[in-house]
Amino acid sequence: MDIKYITFNLSEIDKINFSELMTTSIETMRFSNNNLGLIKFMGEIPPSIQSLETKSEEYTISEVLVLLEGEEWILEIISYSGNTIQEIQYKK
């Protein structure tokens, strides 16, 4: 199964059931400076994510890497392997 990513408005964070996700907590999420969060999951979209009104389209690893290069994303990916982000650092 492929790993997928979505963004959503952080106003809906209370709807997220992290036990359904590969993103295990708020501490492991990526954030933008325009109030978006990024989460990842494997396979079908989990029920708690389906209920989000502000969810984006699903992204693949290559698509999310392009997205995270944008200035609005607070963290920068500096290495990854396959579908897994290995290391990040704060943008300067």
PDB file of N, CA and C in Angstrom:
ATOM      1  N   MET A   1       0.828  -1.186   0.000  1.00  0.00           N
ATOM      2  CA  MET A   1       0.000   0.000   0.000  1.00  0.00           C
ATOM      3  C   MET A   1       0.875   1.253   0.000  1.00  0.00           C
ATOM      4  N   ASP A   2       0.380   2.260  -0.655  1.00  0.00           N
ATOM      5  CA  ASP A   2       1.116   3.513  -0.745  1.00  0.00           C
ATOM      6  C   ASP A   2       0.811   4.430   0.433  1.00  0.00           C
ATOM      7  N   ILE A   3       1.816   5.209   0.806  1.00  0.00           N
ATOM      8  CA  ILE A   3       1.635   6.247   1.813  1.00  0.00           C
ATOM      9  C   ILE A   3       1.085   7.473   1.110  1.00  0.00           C
ATOM     10  N   LYS A   4       0.077   8.094   1.714  1.00  0.00           N
ATOM     11  CA  LYS A   4      -0.548   9.292   1.157  1.00  0.00           C
ATOM     12  C   LYS A   4      -0.515  10.399   2.190  1.00  0.00           C
ATOM     13  N   TYR A   5      -0.618  11.622   1.713  1.00  0.00           N
ATOM     14  CA  TYR A   5      -0.572  12.805   2.564  1.00  0.00           C
ATOM     15  C   TYR A   5      -1.749  13.709   2.232  1.00  0.00           C
ATOM     16  N   ILE A   6      -2.246  14.437   3.231  1.00  0.00           N
ATOM     17  CA  ILE A   6      -3.229  15.492   3.003  1.00  0.00           C
ATOM     18  C   ILE A   6      -2.903  16.669   3.911  1.00  0.00           C
ATOM     19  N   THR A   7      -3.378  17.839   3.504  1.00  0.00           N
ATOM     20  CA  THR A   7      -3.314  19.009   4.369  1.00  0.00           C
ATOM     21  C   THR A   7      -4.734  19.333   4.813  1.00  0.00           C
ATOM     22  N   PHE A   8      -4.833  20.055   5.905  1.00  0.00           N
ATOM     23  CA  PHE A   8      -6.140  20.470   6.410  1.00  0.00           C
ATOM     24  C   PHE A   8      -5.942  21.692   7.296  1.00  0.00           C
ATOM     25  N   ASN A   9      -7.021  22.429   7.527  1.00  0.00           N
ATOM     26  CA  ASN A   9      -6.957  23.590   8.390  1.00  0.00           C
ATOM     27  C   ASN A   9      -6.892  23.140   9.843  1.00  0.00           C
ATOM     28  N   LEU A  10      -5.995  23.742  10.596  1.00  0.00           N
ATOM     29  CA  LEU A  10      -5.785  23.331  11.989  1.00  0.00           C
ATOM     30  C   LEU A  10      -6.992  23.587  12.886  1.00  0.00           C
ATOM     31  N   SER A  11      -7.973  24.335  12.409  1.00  0.00           N
ATOM     32  CA  SER A  11      -9.200  24.515  13.187  1.00  0.00           C
ATOM     33  C   SER A  11      -9.944  23.190  13.373  1.00  0.00           C
ATOM     34  N   GLU A  12      -9.603  22.184  12.581  1.00  0.00           N
ATOM     35  CA  GLU A  12     -10.251  20.872  12.674  1.00  0.00           C
ATOM     36  C   GLU A  12      -9.383  19.826  13.369  1.00  0.00           C
ATOM     37  N   ILE A  13      -8.326  20.228  14.023  1.00  0.00           N
ATOM     38  CA  ILE A  13      -7.397  19.275  14.645  1.00  0.00           C
ATOM     39  C   ILE A  13      -8.086  18.350  15.638  1.00  0.00           C
ATOM     40  N   ASP A  14      -9.118  18.832  16.301  1.00  0.00           N
ATOM     41  CA  ASP A  14      -9.824  18.013  17.289  1.00  0.00           C
ATOM     42  C   ASP A  14     -10.597  16.852  16.668  1.00  0.00           C
ATOM     43  N   LYS A  15     -10.783  16.848  15.364  1.00  0.00           N
ATOM     44  CA  LYS A  15     -11.482  15.759  14.673  1.00  0.00           C
ATOM     45  C   LYS A  15     -10.552  14.607  14.291  1.00  0.00           C
ATOM     46  N   ILE A  16      -9.244  14.829  14.412  1.00  0.00           N
ATOM     47  CA  ILE A  16      -8.262  13.837  13.967  1.00  0.00           C
ATOM     48  C   ILE A  16      -8.101  12.729  15.002  1.00  0.00           C
ATOM     49  N   ASN A  17      -8.209  11.492  14.535  1.00  0.00           N
ATOM     50  CA  ASN A  17      -7.924  10.321  15.363  1.00  0.00           C
ATOM     51  C   ASN A  17      -6.541   9.816  14.929  1.00  0.00           C
ATOM     52  N   PHE A  18      -5.519  10.207  15.683  1.00  0.00           N
ATOM     53  CA  PHE A  18      -4.149   9.882  15.298  1.00  0.00           C
ATOM     54  C   PHE A  18      -3.873   8.383  15.283  1.00  0.00           C
ATOM     55  N   SER A  19      -4.686   7.580  15.953  1.00  0.00           N
ATOM     56  CA  SER A  19      -4.468   6.135  15.921  1.00  0.00           C
ATOM     57  C   SER A  19      -4.759   5.549  14.539  1.00  0.00           C
ATOM     58  N   GLU A  20      -5.440   6.295  13.674  1.00  0.00           N
ATOM     59  CA  GLU A  20      -5.733   5.851  12.311  1.00  0.00           C
ATOM     60  C   GLU A  20      -4.616   6.227  11.323  1.00  0.00           C
ATOM     61  N   LEU A  21      -3.638   6.994  11.784  1.00  0.00           N
ATOM     62  CA  LEU A  21      -2.660   7.613  10.889  1.00  0.00           C
ATOM     63  C   LEU A  21      -1.247   7.119  11.121  1.00  0.00           C
ATOM     64  N   MET A  22      -0.382   7.421  10.182  1.00  0.00           N
ATOM     65  CA  MET A  22       1.053   7.220  10.369  1.00  0.00           C
ATOM     66  C   MET A  22       1.641   8.415  11.115  1.00  0.00           C
ATOM     67  N   THR A  23       0.995   9.562  11.014  1.00  0.00           N
ATOM     68  CA  THR A  23       1.344  10.727  11.820  1.00  0.00           C
ATOM     69  C   THR A  23       0.738  10.453  13.187  1.00  0.00           C
ATOM     70  N   THR A  24       1.554  10.205  14.178  1.00  0.00           N
ATOM     71  CA  THR A  24       1.058   9.659  15.439  1.00  0.00           C
ATOM     72  C   THR A  24       0.588  10.686  16.458  1.00  0.00           C
ATOM     73  N   SER A  25       0.920  11.963  16.251  1.00  0.00           N
ATOM     74  CA  SER A  25       0.518  13.006  17.211  1.00  0.00           C
ATOM     75  C   SER A  25       0.721  14.377  16.588  1.00  0.00           C
ATOM     76  N   ILE A  26       0.270  15.377  17.291  1.00  0.00           N
ATOM     77  CA  ILE A  26       0.505  16.752  16.838  1.00  0.00           C
ATOM     78  C   ILE A  26       2.002  17.021  16.751  1.00  0.00           C
ATOM     79  N   GLU A  27       2.772  16.442  17.647  1.00  0.00           N
ATOM     80  CA  GLU A  27       4.218  16.661  17.666  1.00  0.00           C
ATOM     81  C   GLU A  27       4.909  16.139  16.411  1.00  0.00           C
ATOM     82  N   THR A  28       4.298  15.195  15.710  1.00  0.00           N
ATOM     83  CA  THR A  28       4.925  14.646  14.510  1.00  0.00           C
ATOM     84  C   THR A  28       4.353  15.221  13.219  1.00  0.00           C
ATOM     85  N   MET A  29       3.465  16.206  13.340  1.00  0.00           N
ATOM     86  CA  MET A  29       2.880  16.855  12.167  1.00  0.00           C
ATOM     87  C   MET A  29       3.815  17.912  11.602  1.00  0.00           C
ATOM     88  N   ARG A  30       3.591  18.280  10.361  1.00  0.00           N
ATOM     89  CA  ARG A  30       4.243  19.422   9.724  1.00  0.00           C
ATOM     90  C   ARG A  30       3.209  20.539   9.683  1.00  0.00           C
ATOM     91  N   PHE A  31       3.676  21.778   9.819  1.00  0.00           N
ATOM     92  CA  PHE A  31       2.777  22.933   9.890  1.00  0.00           C
ATOM     93  C   PHE A  31       3.170  24.004   8.895  1.00  0.00           C
ATOM     94  N   SER A  32       2.184  24.756   8.444  1.00  0.00           N
ATOM     95  CA  SER A  32       2.454  25.918   7.601  1.00  0.00           C
ATOM     96  C   SER A  32       2.194  27.180   8.413  1.00  0.00           C
ATOM     97  N   ASN A  33       2.682  28.296   7.908  1.00  0.00           N
ATOM     98  CA  ASN A  33       2.427  29.554   8.601  1.00  0.00           C
ATOM     99  C   ASN A  33       1.072  30.139   8.225  1.00  0.00           C
ATOM    100  N   ASN A  34       0.272  29.426   7.427  1.00  0.00           N
ATOM    101  CA  ASN A  34      -1.088  29.861   7.128  1.00  0.00           C
ATOM    102  C   ASN A  34      -2.125  28.865   7.680  1.00  0.00           C
ATOM    103  N   ASN A  35      -1.783  28.285   8.851  1.00  0.00           N
ATOM    104  CA  ASN A  35      -2.726  27.491   9.643  1.00  0.00           C
ATOM    105  C   ASN A  35      -3.098  26.142   9.022  1.00  0.00           C
ATOM    106  N   LEU A  36      -2.175  25.535   8.278  1.00  0.00           N
ATOM    107  CA  LEU A  36      -2.417  24.203   7.732  1.00  0.00           C
ATOM    108  C   LEU A  36      -1.545  23.183   8.438  1.00  0.00           C
ATOM    109  N   GLY A  37      -2.057  21.970   8.540  1.00  0.00           N
ATOM    110  CA  GLY A  37      -1.290  20.843   9.035  1.00  0.00           C
ATOM    111  C   GLY A  37      -1.180  19.791   7.943  1.00  0.00           C
ATOM    112  N   LEU A  38      -0.144  18.994   8.013  1.00  0.00           N
ATOM    113  CA  LEU A  38       0.089  17.914   7.060  1.00  0.00           C
ATOM    114  C   LEU A  38       0.123  16.605   7.830  1.00  0.00           C
ATOM    115  N   ILE A  39      -0.645  15.629   7.359  1.00  0.00           N
ATOM    116  CA  ILE A  39      -0.660  14.311   7.991  1.00  0.00           C
ATOM    117  C   ILE A  39      -0.486  13.244   6.917  1.00  0.00           C
ATOM    118  N   LYS A  40      -0.054  12.052   7.358  1.00  0.00           N
ATOM    119  CA  LYS A  40       0.116  10.956   6.400  1.00  0.00           C
ATOM    120  C   LYS A  40      -0.589   9.707   6.905  1.00  0.00           C
ATOM    121  N   PHE A  41      -0.992   8.890   5.930  1.00  0.00           N
ATOM    122  CA  PHE A  41      -1.688   7.636   6.228  1.00  0.00           C
ATOM    123  C   PHE A  41      -1.380   6.647   5.118  1.00  0.00           C
ATOM    124  N   MET A  42      -1.719   5.401   5.356  1.00  0.00           N
ATOM    125  CA  MET A  42      -1.476   4.352   4.373  1.00  0.00           C
ATOM    126  C   MET A  42      -2.813   3.748   3.956  1.00  0.00           C
ATOM    127  N   GLY A  43      -2.954   3.505   2.665  1.00  0.00           N
ATOM    128  CA  GLY A  43      -4.154   2.848   2.162  1.00  0.00           C
ATOM    129  C   GLY A  43      -5.318   3.797   1.987  1.00  0.00           C
ATOM    130  N   GLU A  44      -6.504   3.304   2.342  1.00  0.00           N
ATOM    131  CA  GLU A  44      -7.725   4.110   2.203  1.00  0.00           C
ATOM    132  C   GLU A  44      -7.723   5.264   3.189  1.00  0.00           C
ATOM    133  N   ILE A  45      -8.396   6.339   2.820  1.00  0.00           N
ATOM    134  CA  ILE A  45      -8.468   7.508   3.689  1.00  0.00           C
ATOM    135  C   ILE A  45      -9.233   7.150   4.966  1.00  0.00           C
ATOM    136  N   PRO A  46      -8.643   7.386   6.136  1.00  0.00           N
ATOM    137  CA  PRO A  46      -9.273   7.013   7.400  1.00  0.00           C
ATOM    138  C   PRO A  46     -10.567   7.811   7.670  1.00  0.00           C
ATOM    139  N   PRO A  47     -11.492   7.224   8.438  1.00  0.00           N
ATOM    140  CA  PRO A  47     -12.766   7.889   8.719  1.00  0.00           C
ATOM    141  C   PRO A  47     -12.633   9.294   9.312  1.00  0.00           C
ATOM    142  N   SER A  48     -11.712   9.496  10.236  1.00  0.00           N
ATOM    143  CA  SER A  48     -11.614  10.822  10.843  1.00  0.00           C
ATOM    144  C   SER A  48     -11.133  11.866   9.829  1.00  0.00           C
ATOM    145  N   ILE A  49     -10.402  11.442   8.826  1.00  0.00           N
ATOM    146  CA  ILE A  49      -9.938  12.350   7.782  1.00  0.00           C
ATOM    147  C   ILE A  49     -11.055  12.607   6.773  1.00  0.00           C
ATOM    148  N   GLN A  50     -11.848  11.590   6.493  1.00  0.00           N
ATOM    149  CA  GLN A  50     -12.981  11.758   5.582  1.00  0.00           C
ATOM    150  C   GLN A  50     -13.925  12.842   6.067  1.00  0.00           C
ATOM    151  N   SER A  51     -14.047  12.990   7.382  1.00  0.00           N
ATOM    152  CA  SER A  51     -14.997  13.952   7.948  1.00  0.00           C
ATOM    153  C   SER A  51     -14.494  15.395   7.918  1.00  0.00           C
ATOM    154  N   LEU A  52     -13.237  15.622   7.579  1.00  0.00           N
ATOM    155  CA  LEU A  52     -12.691  16.983   7.566  1.00  0.00           C
ATOM    156  C   LEU A  52     -13.280  17.794   6.412  1.00  0.00           C
ATOM    157  N   GLU A  53     -13.751  18.978   6.716  1.00  0.00           N
ATOM    158  CA  GLU A  53     -14.315  19.855   5.683  1.00  0.00           C
ATOM    159  C   GLU A  53     -13.230  20.589   4.903  1.00  0.00           C
ATOM    160  N   THR A  54     -12.035  20.712   5.488  1.00  0.00           N
ATOM    161  CA  THR A  54     -10.972  21.502   4.860  1.00  0.00           C
ATOM    162  C   THR A  54      -9.854  20.648   4.282  1.00  0.00           C
ATOM    163  N   LYS A  55     -10.055  19.327   4.176  1.00  0.00           N
ATOM    164  CA  LYS A  55      -8.981  18.455   3.687  1.00  0.00           C
ATOM    165  C   LYS A  55      -8.675  18.748   2.226  1.00  0.00           C
ATOM    166  N   SER A  56      -7.408  18.600   1.896  1.00  0.00           N
ATOM    167  CA  SER A  56      -6.945  18.789   0.523  1.00  0.00           C
ATOM    168  C   SER A  56      -7.149  17.505  -0.267  1.00  0.00           C
ATOM    169  N   GLU A  57      -6.688  17.551  -1.491  1.00  0.00           N
ATOM    170  CA  GLU A  57      -6.574  16.325  -2.275  1.00  0.00           C
ATOM    171  C   GLU A  57      -5.495  15.461  -1.629  1.00  0.00           C
ATOM    172  N   GLU A  58      -5.426  14.198  -2.002  1.00  0.00           N
ATOM    173  CA  GLU A  58      -4.375  13.316  -1.511  1.00  0.00           C
ATOM    174  C   GLU A  58      -3.107  13.571  -2.318  1.00  0.00           C
ATOM    175  N   TYR A  59      -1.964  13.582  -1.616  1.00  0.00           N
ATOM    176  CA  TYR A  59      -0.669  13.782  -2.250  1.00  0.00           C
ATOM    177  C   TYR A  59       0.182  12.524  -2.127  1.00  0.00           C
ATOM    178  N   THR A  60       1.009  12.270  -3.134  1.00  0.00           N
ATOM    179  CA  THR A  60       2.030  11.229  -3.060  1.00  0.00           C
ATOM    180  C   THR A  60       3.276  11.850  -2.418  1.00  0.00           C
ATOM    181  N   ILE A  61       4.292  11.048  -2.144  1.00  0.00           N
ATOM    182  CA  ILE A  61       5.520  11.567  -1.555  1.00  0.00           C
ATOM    183  C   ILE A  61       6.171  12.596  -2.476  1.00  0.00           C
ATOM    184  N   SER A  62       6.203  12.334  -3.772  1.00  0.00           N
ATOM    185  CA  SER A  62       6.829  13.298  -4.678  1.00  0.00           C
ATOM    186  C   SER A  62       6.041  14.602  -4.730  1.00  0.00           C
ATOM    187  N   GLU A  63       4.725  14.525  -4.680  1.00  0.00           N
ATOM    188  CA  GLU A  63       3.898  15.734  -4.685  1.00  0.00           C
ATOM    189  C   GLU A  63       4.043  16.522  -3.386  1.00  0.00           C
ATOM    190  N   VAL A  64       4.108  15.822  -2.255  1.00  0.00           N
ATOM    191  CA  VAL A  64       4.214  16.522  -0.974  1.00  0.00           C
ATOM    192  C   VAL A  64       5.595  17.157  -0.815  1.00  0.00           C
ATOM    193  N   LEU A  65       6.621  16.554  -1.377  1.00  0.00           N
ATOM    194  CA  LEU A  65       7.945  17.164  -1.323  1.00  0.00           C
ATOM    195  C   LEU A  65       7.968  18.495  -2.061  1.00  0.00           C
ATOM    196  N   VAL A  66       7.289  18.567  -3.193  1.00  0.00           N
ATOM    197  CA  VAL A  66       7.169  19.836  -3.929  1.00  0.00           C
ATOM    198  C   VAL A  66       6.367  20.838  -3.103  1.00  0.00           C
ATOM    199  N   LEU A  67       5.263  20.403  -2.526  1.00  0.00           N
ATOM    200  CA  LEU A  67       4.438  21.281  -1.689  1.00  0.00           C
ATOM    201  C   LEU A  67       5.244  21.873  -0.538  1.00  0.00           C
ATOM    202  N   LEU A  68       6.018  21.043   0.133  1.00  0.00           N
ATOM    203  CA  LEU A  68       6.763  21.490   1.306  1.00  0.00           C
ATOM    204  C   LEU A  68       7.946  22.392   0.975  1.00  0.00           C
ATOM    205  N   GLU A  69       8.273  22.518  -0.286  1.00  0.00           N
ATOM    206  CA  GLU A  69       9.313  23.469  -0.683  1.00  0.00           C
ATOM    207  C   GLU A  69       8.814  24.906  -0.638  1.00  0.00           C
ATOM    208  N   GLY A  70       7.483  25.093  -0.563  1.00  0.00           N
ATOM    209  CA  GLY A  70       6.898  26.430  -0.529  1.00  0.00           C
ATOM    210  C   GLY A  70       7.285  27.195   0.720  1.00  0.00           C
ATOM    211  N   GLU A  71       7.340  28.511   0.595  1.00  0.00           N
ATOM    212  CA  GLU A  71       7.743  29.371   1.708  1.00  0.00           C
ATOM    213  C   GLU A  71       6.839  29.248   2.924  1.00  0.00           C
ATOM    214  N   GLU A  72       5.573  28.892   2.707  1.00  0.00           N
ATOM    215  CA  GLU A  72       4.639  28.863   3.832  1.00  0.00           C
ATOM    216  C   GLU A  72       4.860  27.700   4.797  1.00  0.00           C
ATOM    217  N   TRP A  73       5.624  26.682   4.385  1.00  0.00           N
ATOM    218  CA  TRP A  73       5.850  25.536   5.256  1.00  0.00           C
ATOM    219  C   TRP A  73       7.034  25.815   6.171  1.00  0.00           C
ATOM    220  N   ILE A  74       6.815  25.633   7.462  1.00  0.00           N
ATOM    221  CA  ILE A  74       7.768  26.011   8.496  1.00  0.00           C
ATOM    222  C   ILE A  74       8.973  25.085   8.529  1.00  0.00           C
ATOM    223  N   LEU A  75       8.780  23.836   8.228  1.00  0.00           N
ATOM    224  CA  LEU A  75       9.853  22.857   8.290  1.00  0.00           C
ATOM    225  C   LEU A  75      10.310  22.478   6.898  1.00  0.00           C
ATOM    226  N   GLU A  76      11.573  22.165   6.778  1.00  0.00           N
ATOM    227  CA  GLU A  76      12.166  21.787   5.506  1.00  0.00           C
ATOM    228  C   GLU A  76      12.631  20.337   5.568  1.00  0.00           C
ATOM    229  N   ILE A  77      12.320  19.593   4.537  1.00  0.00           N
ATOM    230  CA  ILE A  77      12.785  18.208   4.441  1.00  0.00           C
ATOM    231  C   ILE A  77      14.202  18.230   3.891  1.00  0.00           C
ATOM    232  N   ILE A  78      15.105  17.550   4.566  1.00  0.00           N
ATOM    233  CA  ILE A  78      16.467  17.508   4.047  1.00  0.00           C
ATOM    234  C   ILE A  78      16.884  16.109   3.594  1.00  0.00           C
ATOM    235  N   SER A  79      16.090  15.088   3.909  1.00  0.00           N
ATOM    236  CA  SER A  79      16.346  13.766   3.342  1.00  0.00           C
ATOM    237  C   SER A  79      15.100  12.901   3.460  1.00  0.00           C
ATOM    238  N   TYR A  80      14.968  11.983   2.549  1.00  0.00           N
ATOM    239  CA  TYR A  80      13.871  11.019   2.591  1.00  0.00           C
ATOM    240  C   TYR A  80      14.302   9.756   1.874  1.00  0.00           C
ATOM    241  N   SER A  81      13.606   8.681   2.173  1.00  0.00           N
ATOM    242  CA  SER A  81      13.887   7.399   1.558  1.00  0.00           C
ATOM    243  C   SER A  81      12.560   6.768   1.151  1.00  0.00           C
ATOM    244  N   GLY A  82      12.363   6.538  -0.116  1.00  0.00           N
ATOM    245  CA  GLY A  82      11.110   5.979  -0.581  1.00  0.00           C
ATOM    246  C   GLY A  82       9.957   6.891  -0.239  1.00  0.00           C
ATOM    247  N   ASN A  83       8.996   6.380   0.506  1.00  0.00           N
ATOM    248  CA  ASN A  83       7.832   7.165   0.906  1.00  0.00           C
ATOM    249  C   ASN A  83       7.959   7.729   2.306  1.00  0.00           C
ATOM    250  N   THR A  84       9.130   7.688   2.899  1.00  0.00           N
ATOM    251  CA  THR A  84       9.284   8.098   4.292  1.00  0.00           C
ATOM    252  C   THR A  84      10.243   9.271   4.403  1.00  0.00           C
ATOM    253  N   ILE A  85       9.784  10.322   5.054  1.00  0.00           N
ATOM    254  CA  ILE A  85      10.637  11.472   5.337  1.00  0.00           C
ATOM    255  C   ILE A  85      11.545  11.094   6.481  1.00  0.00           C
ATOM    256  N   GLN A  86      12.862  11.222   6.287  1.00  0.00           N
ATOM    257  CA  GLN A  86      13.834  10.782   7.276  1.00  0.00           C
ATOM    258  C   GLN A  86      14.292  11.898   8.205  1.00  0.00           C
ATOM    259  N   GLU A  87      14.496  13.093   7.670  1.00  0.00           N
ATOM    260  CA  GLU A  87      15.080  14.158   8.485  1.00  0.00           C
ATOM    261  C   GLU A  87      14.551  15.503   8.026  1.00  0.00           C
ATOM    262  N   ILE A  88      14.284  16.400   8.961  1.00  0.00           N
ATOM    263  CA  ILE A  88      13.796  17.733   8.646  1.00  0.00           C
ATOM    264  C   ILE A  88      14.568  18.762   9.452  1.00  0.00           C
ATOM    265  N   GLN A  89      14.495  19.997   9.019  1.00  0.00           N
ATOM    266  CA  GLN A  89      15.083  21.082   9.785  1.00  0.00           C
ATOM    267  C   GLN A  89      14.262  22.345   9.571  1.00  0.00           C
ATOM    268  N   TYR A  90      14.393  23.306  10.477  1.00  0.00           N
ATOM    269  CA  TYR A  90      13.671  24.555  10.314  1.00  0.00           C
ATOM    270  C   TYR A  90      14.221  25.333   9.145  1.00  0.00           C
ATOM    271  N   LYS A  91      13.318  25.955   8.371  1.00  0.00           N
ATOM    272  CA  LYS A  91      13.755  26.831   7.302  1.00  0.00           C
ATOM    273  C   LYS A  91      14.404  28.056   7.888  1.00  0.00           C
ATOM    274  N   LYS A  92      15.350  28.604   7.179  1.00  0.00           N
ATOM    275  CA  LYS A  92      16.047  29.808   7.638  1.00  0.00           C
ATOM    276  C   LYS A  92      15.403  31.050   7.094  1.00  0.00           C
TER     277      LYS A  92
END
